[in-house]
């Protein structure tokens, strides 16, 4: 029988002393005994080391194989609140699904009041909402029925950071796509259909890889198998990369950006007060309505802009010539 002394990593004070511990007990067993003395410190929250600055001991390490005599001295560090992986992924994926719908239905206080609960006249906006919702519903279904997690928990602070990324990116994307002044893609339905086709292919490939990875875990916690291509053509990407699910994920978002022709990272919008924003929106819309017809090809718009620029340059050149002539006359008078 062995004795185990558990000390605090920072204060070096004794937290627990375990007597008559079986030599073949594992670190996981030690964490269970420590949990009985400190109910709030459940095993997933505990980190045990041999030295204050040492590496964490794995749960399957045996007590008798650790250095030391009859009394083993371990140091405890609190890892903070932990959450299971299923809860982590559900929290990360439910948020973007609901946040995007808030922008799609244009609930109050997102855009100006006159656009509250209005809908976009462009079909691609509704299509983008359907694709975005499908993507995250697929992720939720995979989390519940497909994924098999190898690690038990994740720190709460890490989960909050991940949620900020997923939720913030979804809000940023949804703001521009569902904006009242959003304009459809330049190449029309052809661009939308091609991008939608690539989007669905990448979604199918992503699901195929996740389903393939699901079968890698064998019997026992230490049994692992390497992924390999199967008869499914989407898994043939294993010949080239180790994790094709991320390759397909990149393809999903690239095709989604092409379909909507919206890249929020490259967008820059000034922050205006609500009243000023109303005036800007109305002036822009009314100016476009009176100056240009409703259906003007891109070449026509470029021609108008170029003619306007040429006219401005001619005016500047004329003013410059008048100034030179005036200075020349003044020189003659002198």
C-alpha atoms as a PDB file:
ATOM      1  CA  UNK A   1       0.000   0.000   0.000  1.00  0.00           C
ATOM      2  CA  UNK A   2       1.143   3.527  -0.740  1.00  0.00           C
ATOM      3  CA  UNK A   3       0.357   6.982   0.546  1.00  0.00           C
ATOM      4  CA  UNK A   4      -0.424   9.973  -1.650  1.00  0.00           C
ATOM      5  CA  UNK A   5       0.031  13.581  -0.583  1.00  0.00           C
ATOM      6  CA  UNK A   6      -1.622  16.219  -2.783  1.00  0.00           C
ATOM      7  CA  UNK A   7      -0.319  19.798  -2.504  1.00  0.00           C
ATOM      8  CA  UNK A   8      -1.490  23.066  -4.007  1.00  0.00           C
ATOM      9  CA  UNK A   9       0.725  24.155  -6.916  1.00  0.00           C
ATOM     10  CA  UNK A  10       0.863  27.828  -5.895  1.00  0.00           C
ATOM     11  CA  UNK A  11       0.812  27.817  -2.081  1.00  0.00           C
ATOM     12  CA  UNK A  12       2.432  24.376  -1.564  1.00  0.00           C
ATOM     13  CA  UNK A  13      -0.132  23.709   1.156  1.00  0.00           C
ATOM     14  CA  UNK A  14      -1.406  20.214   1.734  1.00  0.00           C
ATOM     15  CA  UNK A  15      -4.870  19.732   0.276  1.00  0.00           C
ATOM     16  CA  UNK A  16      -5.398  16.035   0.802  1.00  0.00           C
ATOM     17  CA  UNK A  17      -3.602  13.023   2.213  1.00  0.00           C
ATOM     18  CA  UNK A  18      -4.652   9.612   0.917  1.00  0.00           C
ATOM     19  CA  UNK A  19      -3.692   6.587   2.981  1.00  0.00           C
ATOM     20  CA  UNK A  20      -3.608   2.926   1.958  1.00  0.00           C
ATOM     21  CA  UNK A  21      -3.787   3.435  -1.784  1.00  0.00           C
ATOM     22  CA  UNK A  22      -3.304   0.397  -4.014  1.00  0.00           C
ATOM     23  CA  UNK A  23       0.043   0.525  -5.899  1.00  0.00           C
ATOM     24  CA  UNK A  24      -1.651  -0.390  -9.184  1.00  0.00           C
ATOM     25  CA  UNK A  25      -4.081   2.520  -8.887  1.00  0.00           C
ATOM     26  CA  UNK A  26      -4.075   4.965 -11.769  1.00  0.00           C
ATOM     27  CA  UNK A  27      -4.077   8.756 -11.763  1.00  0.00           C
ATOM     28  CA  UNK A  28      -7.753   8.560 -12.689  1.00  0.00           C
ATOM     29  CA  UNK A  29      -8.379   6.629  -9.453  1.00  0.00           C
ATOM     30  CA  UNK A  30      -6.444   9.268  -7.482  1.00  0.00           C
ATOM     31  CA  UNK A  31      -8.592  12.006  -9.013  1.00  0.00           C
ATOM     32  CA  UNK A  32     -11.713  10.102  -7.957  1.00  0.00           C
ATOM     33  CA  UNK A  33     -10.507   9.863  -4.369  1.00  0.00           C
ATOM     34  CA  UNK A  34      -9.564  13.557  -4.356  1.00  0.00           C
ATOM     35  CA  UNK A  35     -13.032  14.391  -5.704  1.00  0.00           C
ATOM     36  CA  UNK A  36     -14.586  12.782  -2.618  1.00  0.00           C
ATOM     37  CA  UNK A  37     -12.705  15.243  -0.390  1.00  0.00           C
ATOM     38  CA  UNK A  38     -13.396  18.224  -2.687  1.00  0.00           C
ATOM     39  CA  UNK A  39     -16.751  17.655  -4.448  1.00  0.00           C
ATOM     40  CA  UNK A  40     -16.413  20.846  -6.511  1.00  0.00           C
ATOM     41  CA  UNK A  41     -13.128  19.605  -8.019  1.00  0.00           C
ATOM     42  CA  UNK A  42     -14.495  16.908 -10.313  1.00  0.00           C
ATOM     43  CA  UNK A  43     -11.885  14.768 -12.153  1.00  0.00           C
ATOM     44  CA  UNK A  44     -12.108  16.657 -15.466  1.00  0.00           C
ATOM     45  CA  UNK A  45     -11.187  19.849 -13.619  1.00  0.00           C
ATOM     46  CA  UNK A  46      -8.100  18.390 -11.927  1.00  0.00           C
ATOM     47  CA  UNK A  47      -4.513  18.565 -13.178  1.00  0.00           C
ATOM     48  CA  UNK A  48      -1.911  16.544 -11.238  1.00  0.00           C
ATOM     49  CA  UNK A  49       1.846  16.861 -11.696  1.00  0.00           C
ATOM     50  CA  UNK A  50       4.993  15.549  -9.994  1.00  0.00           C
ATOM     51  CA  UNK A  51       6.493  19.045  -9.764  1.00  0.00           C
ATOM     52  CA  UNK A  52       4.903  22.514  -9.507  1.00  0.00           C
ATOM     53  CA  UNK A  53       6.007  23.323 -13.072  1.00  0.00           C
ATOM     54  CA  UNK A  54       5.958  19.746 -14.378  1.00  0.00           C
ATOM     55  CA  UNK A  55       3.931  18.161 -17.134  1.00  0.00           C
ATOM     56  CA  UNK A  56       0.418  16.909 -16.498  1.00  0.00           C
ATOM     57  CA  UNK A  57       0.103  13.246 -15.560  1.00  0.00           C
ATOM     58  CA  UNK A  58      -2.097  11.165 -17.817  1.00  0.00           C
ATOM     59  CA  UNK A  59      -5.127   9.429 -16.367  1.00  0.00           C
ATOM     60  CA  UNK A  60      -3.861   5.958 -17.292  1.00  0.00           C
ATOM     61  CA  UNK A  61      -0.460   6.287 -15.568  1.00  0.00           C
ATOM     62  CA  UNK A  62      -0.002   3.800 -12.715  1.00  0.00           C
ATOM     63  CA  UNK A  63       0.955   4.994  -9.256  1.00  0.00           C
ATOM     64  CA  UNK A  64       3.691   2.401  -8.660  1.00  0.00           C
ATOM     65  CA  UNK A  65       5.490   3.440 -11.875  1.00  0.00           C
ATOM     66  CA  UNK A  66       5.892   7.035 -10.663  1.00  0.00           C
ATOM     67  CA  UNK A  67       9.185   8.066  -9.030  1.00  0.00           C
ATOM     68  CA  UNK A  68       9.174   8.256  -5.217  1.00  0.00           C
ATOM     69  CA  UNK A  69       9.063   6.045  -2.174  1.00  0.00           C
ATOM     70  CA  UNK A  70       6.112   4.833  -0.176  1.00  0.00           C
ATOM     71  CA  UNK A  71       4.638   8.345  -0.180  1.00  0.00           C
ATOM     72  CA  UNK A  72       3.915   9.923  -3.555  1.00  0.00           C
ATOM     73  CA  UNK A  73       3.808  13.701  -3.642  1.00  0.00           C
ATOM     74  CA  UNK A  74       1.542  15.215  -6.282  1.00  0.00           C
ATOM     75  CA  UNK A  75       0.739  18.839  -7.073  1.00  0.00           C
ATOM     76  CA  UNK A  76      -2.803  19.937  -7.914  1.00  0.00           C
ATOM     77  CA  UNK A  77      -3.821  22.687 -10.329  1.00  0.00           C
ATOM     78  CA  UNK A  78      -7.416  23.724 -10.993  1.00  0.00           C
ATOM     79  CA  UNK A  79      -8.227  23.752 -14.712  1.00  0.00           C
ATOM     80  CA  UNK A  80     -11.439  25.727 -14.187  1.00  0.00           C
ATOM     81  CA  UNK A  81     -14.989  24.827 -15.218  1.00  0.00           C
ATOM     82  CA  UNK A  82     -15.196  22.183 -17.937  1.00  0.00           C
ATOM     83  CA  UNK A  83     -17.868  21.336 -20.484  1.00  0.00           C
ATOM     84  CA  UNK A  84     -18.457  18.178 -22.482  1.00  0.00           C
ATOM     85  CA  UNK A  85     -17.692  18.277 -26.189  1.00  0.00           C
ATOM     86  CA  UNK A  86     -21.288  17.685 -27.162  1.00  0.00           C
ATOM     87  CA  UNK A  87     -22.405  20.740 -25.191  1.00  0.00           C
ATOM     88  CA  UNK A  88     -19.517  22.755 -26.638  1.00  0.00           C
ATOM     89  CA  UNK A  89     -20.456  22.058 -30.250  1.00  0.00           C
ATOM     90  CA  UNK A  90     -24.157  22.549 -29.643  1.00  0.00           C
ATOM     91  CA  UNK A  91     -23.446  25.970 -28.118  1.00  0.00           C
ATOM     92  CA  UNK A  92     -21.167  26.958 -30.993  1.00  0.00           C
ATOM     93  CA  UNK A  93     -23.597  25.911 -33.737  1.00  0.00           C
ATOM     94  CA  UNK A  94     -26.988  26.915 -32.351  1.00  0.00           C
ATOM     95  CA  UNK A  95     -25.882  30.551 -32.048  1.00  0.00           C
ATOM     96  CA  UNK A  96     -25.043  31.172 -35.746  1.00  0.00           C
ATOM     97  CA  UNK A  97     -28.244  29.428 -36.825  1.00  0.00           C
ATOM     98  CA  UNK A  98     -30.441  31.753 -34.764  1.00  0.00           C
ATOM     99  CA  UNK A  99     -28.378  34.924 -35.235  1.00  0.00           C
ATOM    100  CA  UNK A 100     -28.510  34.689 -39.029  1.00  0.00           C
ATOM    101  CA  UNK A 101     -32.303  34.354 -38.936  1.00  0.00           C
ATOM    102  CA  UNK A 102     -32.549  37.565 -36.881  1.00  0.00           C
ATOM    103  CA  UNK A 103     -30.849  39.463 -39.692  1.00  0.00           C
ATOM    104  CA  UNK A 104     -32.823  37.653 -42.402  1.00  0.00           C
ATOM    105  CA  UNK A 105     -36.181  38.622 -40.893  1.00  0.00           C
ATOM    106  CA  UNK A 106     -34.794  42.112 -40.139  1.00  0.00           C
ATOM    107  CA  UNK A 107     -35.955  42.322 -36.557  1.00  0.00           C
ATOM    108  CA  UNK A 108     -36.005  45.810 -35.000  1.00  0.00           C
ATOM    109  CA  UNK A 109     -32.820  47.687 -34.045  1.00  0.00           C
ATOM    110  CA  UNK A 110     -30.643  45.969 -36.666  1.00  0.00           C
ATOM    111  CA  UNK A 111     -31.365  48.136 -39.701  1.00  0.00           C
ATOM    112  CA  UNK A 112     -33.263  51.414 -39.922  1.00  0.00           C
ATOM    113  CA  UNK A 113     -36.909  51.334 -38.696  1.00  0.00           C
ATOM    114  CA  UNK A 114     -38.455  51.535 -42.166  1.00  0.00           C
ATOM    115  CA  UNK A 115     -36.920  48.143 -43.064  1.00  0.00           C
ATOM    116  CA  UNK A 116     -38.178  46.306 -39.959  1.00  0.00           C
ATOM    117  CA  UNK A 117     -39.665  42.876 -40.822  1.00  0.00           C
ATOM    118  CA  UNK A 118     -39.305  43.492 -44.542  1.00  0.00           C
ATOM    119  CA  UNK A 119     -37.922  41.006 -47.044  1.00  0.00           C
ATOM    120  CA  UNK A 120     -35.303  41.378 -49.743  1.00  0.00           C
ATOM    121  CA  UNK A 121     -36.491  41.403 -53.374  1.00  0.00           C
ATOM    122  CA  UNK A 122     -33.467  39.321 -54.439  1.00  0.00           C
ATOM    123  CA  UNK A 123     -33.993  35.514 -54.448  1.00  0.00           C
ATOM    124  CA  UNK A 124     -30.305  34.917 -53.701  1.00  0.00           C
ATOM    125  CA  UNK A 125     -30.824  36.358 -50.202  1.00  0.00           C
ATOM    126  CA  UNK A 126     -33.393  33.675 -49.361  1.00  0.00           C
ATOM    127  CA  UNK A 127     -31.181  31.044 -50.974  1.00  0.00           C
ATOM    128  CA  UNK A 128     -28.235  32.173 -48.847  1.00  0.00           C
ATOM    129  CA  UNK A 129     -30.372  31.903 -45.707  1.00  0.00           C
ATOM    130  CA  UNK A 130     -31.404  28.367 -46.669  1.00  0.00           C
ATOM    131  CA  UNK A 131     -27.794  27.329 -47.330  1.00  0.00           C
ATOM    132  CA  UNK A 132     -26.517  28.879 -44.109  1.00  0.00           C
ATOM    133  CA  UNK A 133     -29.280  27.217 -42.063  1.00  0.00           C
ATOM    134  CA  UNK A 134     -28.683  23.868 -43.778  1.00  0.00           C
ATOM    135  CA  UNK A 135     -24.957  24.069 -42.977  1.00  0.00           C
ATOM    136  CA  UNK A 136     -25.439  24.550 -39.249  1.00  0.00           C
ATOM    137  CA  UNK A 137     -28.367  22.128 -38.977  1.00  0.00           C
ATOM    138  CA  UNK A 138     -26.080  19.541 -40.564  1.00  0.00           C
ATOM    139  CA  UNK A 139     -23.435  20.332 -37.974  1.00  0.00           C
ATOM    140  CA  UNK A 140     -25.914  19.905 -35.140  1.00  0.00           C
ATOM    141  CA  UNK A 141     -27.081  16.557 -36.502  1.00  0.00           C
ATOM    142  CA  UNK A 142     -23.480  15.395 -36.883  1.00  0.00           C
ATOM    143  CA  UNK A 143     -22.694  16.453 -33.321  1.00  0.00           C
ATOM    144  CA  UNK A 144     -25.531  14.350 -31.920  1.00  0.00           C
ATOM    145  CA  UNK A 145     -25.448  11.289 -34.187  1.00  0.00           C
ATOM    146  CA  UNK A 146     -22.084  11.136 -36.005  1.00  0.00           C
ATOM    147  CA  UNK A 147     -19.201  12.596 -34.011  1.00  0.00           C
ATOM    148  CA  UNK A 148     -17.386  10.448 -31.468  1.00  0.00           C
ATOM    149  CA  UNK A 149     -15.197  12.590 -29.243  1.00  0.00           C
ATOM    150  CA  UNK A 150     -11.840  11.325 -27.983  1.00  0.00           C
ATOM    151  CA  UNK A 151     -11.464  13.965 -25.219  1.00  0.00           C
ATOM    152  CA  UNK A 152     -13.967  14.344 -22.423  1.00  0.00           C
ATOM    153  CA  UNK A 153     -14.165  18.078 -21.795  1.00  0.00           C
ATOM    154  CA  UNK A 154     -13.095  21.549 -22.877  1.00  0.00           C
ATOM    155  CA  UNK A 155     -12.422  24.553 -20.594  1.00  0.00           C
ATOM    156  CA  UNK A 156     -15.310  26.991 -20.359  1.00  0.00           C
ATOM    157  CA  UNK A 157     -13.127  29.966 -21.312  1.00  0.00           C
ATOM    158  CA  UNK A 158     -12.081  28.211 -24.534  1.00  0.00           C
ATOM    159  CA  UNK A 159     -15.704  27.464 -25.371  1.00  0.00           C
ATOM    160  CA  UNK A 160     -16.646  31.123 -24.859  1.00  0.00           C
ATOM    161  CA  UNK A 161     -13.840  32.193 -27.178  1.00  0.00           C
ATOM    162  CA  UNK A 162     -15.035  29.772 -29.852  1.00  0.00           C
ATOM    163  CA  UNK A 163     -18.612  31.022 -29.481  1.00  0.00           C
ATOM    164  CA  UNK A 164     -17.482  34.615 -29.949  1.00  0.00           C
ATOM    165  CA  UNK A 165     -15.822  33.601 -33.222  1.00  0.00           C
ATOM    166  CA  UNK A 166     -18.729  31.568 -34.623  1.00  0.00           C
ATOM    167  CA  UNK A 167     -21.466  33.929 -33.466  1.00  0.00           C
ATOM    168  CA  UNK A 168     -19.588  37.088 -34.447  1.00  0.00           C
ATOM    169  CA  UNK A 169     -18.684  35.798 -37.913  1.00  0.00           C
ATOM    170  CA  UNK A 170     -22.286  34.762 -38.527  1.00  0.00           C
ATOM    171  CA  UNK A 171     -23.592  38.201 -37.503  1.00  0.00           C
ATOM    172  CA  UNK A 172     -21.006  39.971 -39.647  1.00  0.00           C
ATOM    173  CA  UNK A 173     -21.851  37.851 -42.669  1.00  0.00           C
ATOM    174  CA  UNK A 174     -25.620  38.123 -42.182  1.00  0.00           C
ATOM    175  CA  UNK A 175     -25.517  41.912 -41.788  1.00  0.00           C
ATOM    176  CA  UNK A 176     -24.188  42.501 -45.304  1.00  0.00           C
ATOM    177  CA  UNK A 177     -26.124  39.783 -47.138  1.00  0.00           C
ATOM    178  CA  UNK A 178     -29.484  40.821 -45.664  1.00  0.00           C
ATOM    179  CA  UNK A 179     -28.811  44.562 -45.834  1.00  0.00           C
ATOM    180  CA  UNK A 180     -31.518  46.585 -47.648  1.00  0.00           C
ATOM    181  CA  UNK A 181     -28.886  47.975 -50.034  1.00  0.00           C
ATOM    182  CA  UNK A 182     -27.464  44.549 -50.912  1.00  0.00           C
ATOM    183  CA  UNK A 183     -26.915  44.006 -54.646  1.00  0.00           C
ATOM    184  CA  UNK A 184     -27.022  40.534 -56.266  1.00  0.00           C
ATOM    185  CA  UNK A 185     -23.984  38.898 -57.934  1.00  0.00           C
ATOM    186  CA  UNK A 186     -22.599  40.507 -61.075  1.00  0.00           C
ATOM    187  CA  UNK A 187     -23.048  37.461 -63.320  1.00  0.00           C
ATOM    188  CA  UNK A 188     -26.582  36.736 -62.200  1.00  0.00           C
ATOM    189  CA  UNK A 189     -28.113  33.275 -62.054  1.00  0.00           C
ATOM    190  CA  UNK A 190     -25.156  31.578 -63.728  1.00  0.00           C
ATOM    191  CA  UNK A 191     -22.825  32.611 -60.900  1.00  0.00           C
ATOM    192  CA  UNK A 192     -25.401  31.629 -58.267  1.00  0.00           C
ATOM    193  CA  UNK A 193     -26.102  28.182 -59.765  1.00  0.00           C
ATOM    194  CA  UNK A 194     -22.449  27.238 -60.217  1.00  0.00           C
ATOM    195  CA  UNK A 195     -21.584  28.363 -56.679  1.00  0.00           C
ATOM    196  CA  UNK A 196     -24.613  26.521 -55.269  1.00  0.00           C
ATOM    197  CA  UNK A 197     -23.523  23.326 -57.026  1.00  0.00           C
ATOM    198  CA  UNK A 198     -20.021  23.576 -55.515  1.00  0.00           C
ATOM    199  CA  UNK A 199     -21.547  24.378 -52.123  1.00  0.00           C
ATOM    200  CA  UNK A 200     -23.664  21.204 -52.122  1.00  0.00           C
ATOM    201  CA  UNK A 201     -20.738  19.075 -53.315  1.00  0.00           C
ATOM    202  CA  UNK A 202     -18.539  20.354 -50.494  1.00  0.00           C
ATOM    203  CA  UNK A 203     -21.305  19.785 -47.940  1.00  0.00           C
ATOM    204  CA  UNK A 204     -21.692  16.196 -49.155  1.00  0.00           C
ATOM    205  CA  UNK A 205     -17.916  15.723 -49.034  1.00  0.00           C
ATOM    206  CA  UNK A 206     -17.692  17.139 -45.526  1.00  0.00           C
ATOM    207  CA  UNK A 207     -20.405  14.792 -44.277  1.00  0.00           C
ATOM    208  CA  UNK A 208     -18.746  11.812 -45.998  1.00  0.00           C
ATOM    209  CA  UNK A 209     -15.435  12.513 -44.274  1.00  0.00           C
ATOM    210  CA  UNK A 210     -17.093  12.889 -40.871  1.00  0.00           C
ATOM    211  CA  UNK A 211     -18.935   9.619 -41.365  1.00  0.00           C
ATOM    212  CA  UNK A 212     -15.684   7.944 -42.410  1.00  0.00           C
ATOM    213  CA  UNK A 213     -13.819   9.283 -39.369  1.00  0.00           C
ATOM    214  CA  UNK A 214     -16.616   7.954 -37.162  1.00  0.00           C
ATOM    215  CA  UNK A 215     -15.536   4.383 -37.934  1.00  0.00           C
ATOM    216  CA  UNK A 216     -11.882   4.931 -36.994  1.00  0.00           C
ATOM    217  CA  UNK A 217     -12.371   4.371 -33.250  1.00  0.00           C
ATOM    218  CA  UNK A 218     -12.053   0.681 -32.517  1.00  0.00           C
ATOM    219  CA  UNK A 219     -12.541  -1.338 -29.377  1.00  0.00           C
ATOM    220  CA  UNK A 220     -10.939   0.149 -26.287  1.00  0.00           C
ATOM    221  CA  UNK A 221      -9.878   3.727 -25.545  1.00  0.00           C
ATOM    222  CA  UNK A 222      -6.427   3.296 -27.112  1.00  0.00           C
ATOM    223  CA  UNK A 223      -7.437   1.568 -30.322  1.00  0.00           C
ATOM    224  CA  UNK A 224      -7.067   3.837 -33.358  1.00  0.00           C
ATOM    225  CA  UNK A 225      -6.970   3.282 -37.105  1.00  0.00           C
ATOM    226  CA  UNK A 226      -5.638   5.508 -39.854  1.00  0.00           C
ATOM    227  CA  UNK A 227      -8.213   6.979 -42.258  1.00  0.00           C
ATOM    228  CA  UNK A 228      -8.175   5.624 -45.780  1.00  0.00           C
ATOM    229  CA  UNK A 229     -10.207   6.192 -48.956  1.00  0.00           C
ATOM    230  CA  UNK A 230     -13.230   4.008 -49.588  1.00  0.00           C
ATOM    231  CA  UNK A 231     -15.595   3.450 -52.521  1.00  0.00           C
ATOM    232  CA  UNK A 232     -17.146   6.832 -51.774  1.00  0.00           C
ATOM    233  CA  UNK A 233     -15.522   9.302 -54.239  1.00  0.00           C
ATOM    234  CA  UNK A 234     -15.620  12.081 -51.649  1.00  0.00           C
ATOM    235  CA  UNK A 235     -13.158  10.130 -49.472  1.00  0.00           C
ATOM    236  CA  UNK A 236     -10.552   9.944 -52.241  1.00  0.00           C
ATOM    237  CA  UNK A 237      -9.232  13.257 -50.984  1.00  0.00           C
ATOM    238  CA  UNK A 238      -7.483  11.185 -48.279  1.00  0.00           C
ATOM    239  CA  UNK A 239      -4.870  10.432 -50.957  1.00  0.00           C
ATOM    240  CA  UNK A 240      -3.742  14.055 -50.825  1.00  0.00           C
ATOM    241  CA  UNK A 241      -4.532  15.495 -47.368  1.00  0.00           C
ATOM    242  CA  UNK A 242      -4.890  14.105 -43.849  1.00  0.00           C
ATOM    243  CA  UNK A 243      -8.093  15.920 -42.869  1.00  0.00           C
ATOM    244  CA  UNK A 244     -10.237  16.465 -45.992  1.00  0.00           C
ATOM    245  CA  UNK A 245     -13.158  17.611 -43.842  1.00  0.00           C
ATOM    246  CA  UNK A 246     -11.401  20.957 -43.409  1.00  0.00           C
ATOM    247  CA  UNK A 247     -10.696  21.123 -47.150  1.00  0.00           C
ATOM    248  CA  UNK A 248     -14.390  20.680 -47.881  1.00  0.00           C
ATOM    249  CA  UNK A 249     -15.215  23.225 -45.150  1.00  0.00           C
ATOM    250  CA  UNK A 250     -13.072  25.830 -46.896  1.00  0.00           C
ATOM    251  CA  UNK A 251     -14.820  24.993 -50.164  1.00  0.00           C
ATOM    252  CA  UNK A 252     -18.213  25.501 -48.515  1.00  0.00           C
ATOM    253  CA  UNK A 253     -17.421  29.041 -47.414  1.00  0.00           C
ATOM    254  CA  UNK A 254     -15.612  30.024 -50.614  1.00  0.00           C
ATOM    255  CA  UNK A 255     -18.579  28.887 -52.730  1.00  0.00           C
ATOM    256  CA  UNK A 256     -20.965  30.641 -50.332  1.00  0.00           C
ATOM    257  CA  UNK A 257     -19.013  33.883 -50.775  1.00  0.00           C
ATOM    258  CA  UNK A 258     -19.085  33.504 -54.562  1.00  0.00           C
ATOM    259  CA  UNK A 259     -22.816  32.753 -54.546  1.00  0.00           C
ATOM    260  CA  UNK A 260     -23.608  35.893 -52.548  1.00  0.00           C
ATOM    261  CA  UNK A 261     -20.648  37.930 -53.861  1.00  0.00           C
ATOM    262  CA  UNK A 262     -20.101  39.143 -50.327  1.00  0.00           C
ATOM    263  CA  UNK A 263     -16.748  39.130 -48.555  1.00  0.00           C
ATOM    264  CA  UNK A 264     -17.271  40.915 -45.214  1.00  0.00           C
ATOM    265  CA  UNK A 265     -13.543  40.965 -44.462  1.00  0.00           C
ATOM    266  CA  UNK A 266     -12.955  43.363 -47.343  1.00  0.00           C
ATOM    267  CA  UNK A 267     -15.944  45.547 -46.549  1.00  0.00           C
ATOM    268  CA  UNK A 268     -15.627  48.811 -44.692  1.00  0.00           C
ATOM    269  CA  UNK A 269     -18.700  50.764 -43.623  1.00  0.00           C
ATOM    270  CA  UNK A 270     -18.689  54.070 -41.662  1.00  0.00           C
ATOM    271  CA  UNK A 271     -20.569  54.174 -38.370  1.00  0.00           C
ATOM    272  CA  UNK A 272     -23.463  56.645 -38.685  1.00  0.00           C
ATOM    273  CA  UNK A 273     -26.290  57.743 -36.456  1.00  0.00           C
ATOM    274  CA  UNK A 274     -29.711  56.316 -37.266  1.00  0.00           C
ATOM    275  CA  UNK A 275     -31.109  59.594 -38.635  1.00  0.00           C
ATOM    276  CA  UNK A 276     -28.057  60.222 -40.781  1.00  0.00           C
ATOM    277  CA  UNK A 277     -28.192  56.634 -42.061  1.00  0.00           C
ATOM    278  CA  UNK A 278     -31.825  57.154 -43.115  1.00  0.00           C
ATOM    279  CA  UNK A 279     -30.873  60.247 -45.070  1.00  0.00           C
ATOM    280  CA  UNK A 280     -27.918  58.521 -46.726  1.00  0.00           C
ATOM    281  CA  UNK A 281     -30.005  55.474 -47.686  1.00  0.00           C
ATOM    282  CA  UNK A 282     -32.814  57.619 -49.129  1.00  0.00           C
ATOM    283  CA  UNK A 283     -30.463  59.918 -51.020  1.00  0.00           C
ATOM    284  CA  UNK A 284     -28.536  57.009 -52.508  1.00  0.00           C
ATOM    285  CA  UNK A 285     -31.673  55.165 -53.555  1.00  0.00           C
ATOM    286  CA  UNK A 286     -33.397  58.259 -54.968  1.00  0.00           C
ATOM    287  CA  UNK A 287     -30.246  59.333 -56.826  1.00  0.00           C
ATOM    288  CA  UNK A 288     -29.882  55.901 -58.400  1.00  0.00           C
ATOM    289  CA  UNK A 289     -33.586  55.912 -59.309  1.00  0.00           C
ATOM    290  CA  UNK A 290     -33.519  59.253 -61.104  1.00  0.00           C
ATOM    291  CA  UNK A 291     -30.107  59.068 -62.757  1.00  0.00           C
ATOM    292  CA  UNK A 292     -30.055  55.457 -63.976  1.00  0.00           C
ATOM    293  CA  UNK A 293     -32.862  53.167 -65.190  1.00  0.00           C
ATOM    294  CA  UNK A 294     -33.748  50.064 -63.186  1.00  0.00           C
ATOM    295  CA  UNK A 295     -31.973  47.632 -65.512  1.00  0.00           C
ATOM    296  CA  UNK A 296     -28.681  49.020 -66.748  1.00  0.00           C
ATOM    297  CA  UNK A 297     -25.850  46.671 -67.759  1.00  0.00           C
ATOM    298  CA  UNK A 298     -22.480  47.011 -66.088  1.00  0.00           C
ATOM    299  CA  UNK A 299     -20.968  48.459 -69.276  1.00  0.00           C
ATOM    300  CA  UNK A 300     -23.543  51.270 -69.253  1.00  0.00           C
ATOM    301  CA  UNK A 301     -22.756  52.195 -65.676  1.00  0.00           C
ATOM    302  CA  UNK A 302     -19.028  52.239 -66.446  1.00  0.00           C
ATOM    303  CA  UNK A 303     -19.707  54.493 -69.469  1.00  0.00           C
ATOM    304  CA  UNK A 304     -21.655  56.946 -67.294  1.00  0.00           C
ATOM    305  CA  UNK A 305     -18.863  57.001 -64.718  1.00  0.00           C
ATOM    306  CA  UNK A 306     -16.143  57.457 -67.333  1.00  0.00           C
ATOM    307  CA  UNK A 307     -18.061  60.249 -69.069  1.00  0.00           C
ATOM    308  CA  UNK A 308     -18.532  61.974 -65.741  1.00  0.00           C
ATOM    309  CA  UNK A 309     -14.814  61.671 -64.954  1.00  0.00           C
ATOM    310  CA  UNK A 310     -13.847  62.947 -68.434  1.00  0.00           C
ATOM    311  CA  UNK A 311     -16.203  65.882 -68.018  1.00  0.00           C
ATOM    312  CA  UNK A 312     -14.634  66.738 -64.663  1.00  0.00           C
ATOM    313  CA  UNK A 313     -11.129  66.497 -66.125  1.00  0.00           C
ATOM    314  CA  UNK A 314     -12.124  68.786 -69.024  1.00  0.00           C
ATOM    315  CA  UNK A 315     -13.498  71.341 -66.584  1.00  0.00           C
ATOM    316  CA  UNK A 316     -10.292  71.254 -64.551  1.00  0.00           C
ATOM    317  CA  UNK A 317      -8.193  71.620 -67.702  1.00  0.00           C
ATOM    318  CA  UNK A 318     -10.290  74.604 -68.832  1.00  0.00           C
ATOM    319  CA  UNK A 319      -9.898  76.321 -65.485  1.00  0.00           C
ATOM    320  CA  UNK A 320      -6.157  75.716 -65.627  1.00  0.00           C
ATOM    321  CA  UNK A 321      -5.950  77.294 -69.094  1.00  0.00           C
ATOM    322  CA  UNK A 322      -7.911  80.364 -67.934  1.00  0.00           C
ATOM    323  CA  UNK A 323      -5.516  80.833 -65.024  1.00  0.00           C
ATOM    324  CA  UNK A 324      -2.499  80.613 -67.329  1.00  0.00           C
ATOM    325  CA  UNK A 325      -4.078  83.128 -69.768  1.00  0.00           C
ATOM    326  CA  UNK A 326      -4.851  85.515 -66.929  1.00  0.00           C
ATOM    327  CA  UNK A 327      -1.273  85.369 -65.668  1.00  0.00           C
ATOM    328  CA  UNK A 328      -0.010  85.939 -69.219  1.00  0.00           C
ATOM    329  CA  UNK A 329      -2.202  89.039 -69.656  1.00  0.00           C
ATOM    330  CA  UNK A 330      -1.039  90.408 -66.329  1.00  0.00           C
ATOM    331  CA  UNK A 331       2.560  89.953 -67.503  1.00  0.00           C
ATOM    332  CA  UNK A 332       1.886  91.894 -70.676  1.00  0.00           C
ATOM    333  CA  UNK A 333       0.281  94.728 -68.739  1.00  0.00           C
ATOM    334  CA  UNK A 334       3.329  94.990 -66.529  1.00  0.00           C
END
